[in-house]
Each structure stands twice: as structure tokens, then as C-alpha cells.
Protein backbone atom coordinates (compact mmCIF):
# COMPACT_ATOMS: atom_id res chain seq x y z
CA UNK A 1 5.87 -4.72 -29.17
CA UNK A 2 2.65 -2.75 -29.72
CA UNK A 3 3.62 -1.56 -33.18
CA UNK A 4 4.66 -5.11 -34.11
CA UNK A 5 1.29 -6.44 -32.86
CA UNK A 6 -0.62 -3.78 -34.78
CA UNK A 7 1.40 -4.47 -37.91
CA UNK A 8 1.19 -8.27 -37.80
CA UNK A 9 -1.07 -9.80 -35.17
CA UNK A 10 -1.17 -10.48 -31.44
CA UNK A 11 -0.10 -14.13 -31.66
CA UNK A 12 2.98 -13.35 -33.74
CA UNK A 13 3.92 -10.50 -31.42
CA UNK A 14 3.62 -12.80 -28.40
CA UNK A 15 5.94 -15.35 -29.99
CA UNK A 16 8.40 -12.68 -31.16
CA UNK A 17 8.65 -11.01 -27.74
CA UNK A 18 8.40 -14.26 -25.74
CA UNK A 19 5.32 -13.32 -23.77
CA UNK A 20 1.67 -14.31 -23.69
CA UNK A 21 -1.10 -13.13 -25.98
CA UNK A 22 -2.94 -11.81 -22.93
CA UNK A 23 -0.02 -9.49 -22.11
CA UNK A 24 0.25 -8.26 -25.70
CA UNK A 25 -3.50 -7.68 -25.82
CA UNK A 26 -3.34 -5.68 -22.58
CA UNK A 27 -0.57 -3.46 -23.95
CA UNK A 28 -2.37 -2.94 -27.27
CA UNK A 29 -5.63 -2.00 -25.52
CA UNK A 30 -3.76 0.40 -23.25
CA UNK A 31 -2.07 1.96 -26.29
CA UNK A 32 -5.40 2.34 -28.10
CA UNK A 33 -6.91 4.16 -25.12
CA UNK A 34 -4.12 6.66 -24.38
CA UNK A 35 -1.55 6.30 -27.18
CA UNK A 36 2.00 6.70 -25.75
CA UNK A 37 0.72 7.72 -22.30
CA UNK A 38 -1.11 4.41 -21.97
CA UNK A 39 2.19 2.55 -22.05
CA UNK A 40 3.79 4.45 -19.15
CA UNK A 41 3.87 3.04 -15.64
CA UNK A 42 0.93 4.26 -13.65
CA UNK A 43 1.33 5.32 -10.05
CA UNK A 44 -0.58 3.29 -7.51
CA UNK A 45 -0.49 6.09 -4.95
CA UNK A 46 -3.55 7.99 -3.77
CA UNK A 47 -5.67 4.90 -3.48
CA UNK A 48 -7.91 5.10 -0.47
CA UNK A 49 -7.22 2.72 2.36
CA UNK A 50 -10.44 2.04 4.27
CA UNK A 51 -8.76 0.82 7.47
CA UNK A 52 -6.30 3.67 7.83
CA UNK A 53 -6.28 5.38 11.21
CA UNK A 54 -7.56 8.94 11.11
CA UNK A 55 -5.34 11.74 12.35
CA UNK A 56 -7.72 12.39 15.27
CA UNK A 57 -7.50 8.81 16.54
CA UNK A 58 -3.74 8.73 16.04
CA UNK A 59 -3.36 11.92 18.07
CA UNK A 60 -5.58 10.48 20.83
CA UNK A 61 -3.44 7.33 20.97
CA UNK A 62 -0.20 9.30 21.21
CA UNK A 63 -1.53 11.70 23.88
CA UNK A 64 -2.97 8.83 25.94
CA UNK A 65 0.32 6.94 25.74
CA UNK A 66 2.29 10.01 26.85
CA UNK A 67 -0.02 10.53 29.84
CA UNK A 68 -0.34 6.96 31.05
CA UNK A 69 2.53 4.88 29.58
CA UNK A 70 0.03 2.04 29.05
CA UNK A 71 0.36 -0.48 26.24
CA UNK A 72 -1.70 -1.04 23.11
CA UNK A 73 -4.16 -3.40 24.80
CA UNK A 74 -5.18 -0.84 27.44
CA UNK A 75 -5.19 2.03 24.95
CA UNK A 76 -7.51 0.10 22.64
CA UNK A 77 -9.81 -0.77 25.53
CA UNK A 78 -9.84 2.70 27.08
CA UNK A 79 -10.35 4.68 23.86
CA UNK A 80 -12.63 2.03 22.30
CA UNK A 81 -10.64 1.88 19.06
CA UNK A 82 -11.64 -0.60 16.34
CA UNK A 83 -8.09 -1.07 14.98
CA UNK A 84 -5.95 -4.07 15.88
CA UNK A 85 -3.48 -4.15 18.75
CA UNK A 86 -0.65 -4.55 16.27
CA UNK A 87 -1.63 -1.35 14.46
CA UNK A 88 -1.86 0.62 17.70
CA UNK A 89 1.50 -0.71 18.88
CA UNK A 90 3.08 0.10 15.52
CA UNK A 91 1.85 3.70 15.68
CA UNK A 92 3.13 4.09 19.25
CA UNK A 93 6.50 2.72 18.17
CA UNK A 94 6.65 5.03 15.12
CA UNK A 95 6.03 7.97 17.45
CA UNK A 96 9.11 6.92 19.44
CA UNK A 97 7.14 6.11 22.60
CA UNK A 98 8.29 2.50 22.98
CA UNK A 99 11.49 2.03 24.95
CA UNK A 100 13.34 -1.23 24.46
CA UNK A 101 14.25 -3.01 27.71
CA UNK A 102 17.95 -3.46 28.34
CA UNK A 103 19.01 -7.04 28.85
CA UNK A 104 20.92 -8.03 31.98
CA UNK A 105 23.74 -9.67 30.09
């Protein structure tokens, strides 16, 4: 698609490959910056996540849960953690510290 766009023009390439001119333009610009490497899929890993729990806090949560068997609400209140209850519960569950109640029937 890029070579076709460079040879002819962006509009003709968009019609030929049944896409939009914006998409063709994006691919051409990416090709001009990094040649063949610009056309490869780029990993989205290693992006920083500002709300991610630190390892210290995670360890505190797990240790507190093992000692007291309290739920996310009490852990959040006791340790004064800024994360949501859902996040704390999810981390406790991932650590295997949540036991599912058996039903009577």
C-alpha cells in the first residue's frame, strides 16, 4: 500500500486498498520515519500505569489479610490505602486468600 501511495498518490491508494486517506497517510508517514521498521506492529507494553499498586503496598495487603482474615473494606481503612475496594479485593483473590463459601444445596 505504501509503495503504491508513493508511486501514485494517497487518494488513489485509499481507493485501491479500500481504506481511508487518513489511514494511508498514517502508514506513509510511519514508513518515511523508520522505513520497513515503521510498518511493524509496535508493542504497547512497558507503558507506565500511574494507579498501579506498588509491591510494598501489595505485600502489606497480603500480610494483613493472612494475619486478620479481614475483607478489603477493613484492609483499606486500616492501612489507609488510596486504591479502590475492588482493586484490593482483586489482589487478595489473586493471592489465593479468598475462600468461596459452599452452598447448602
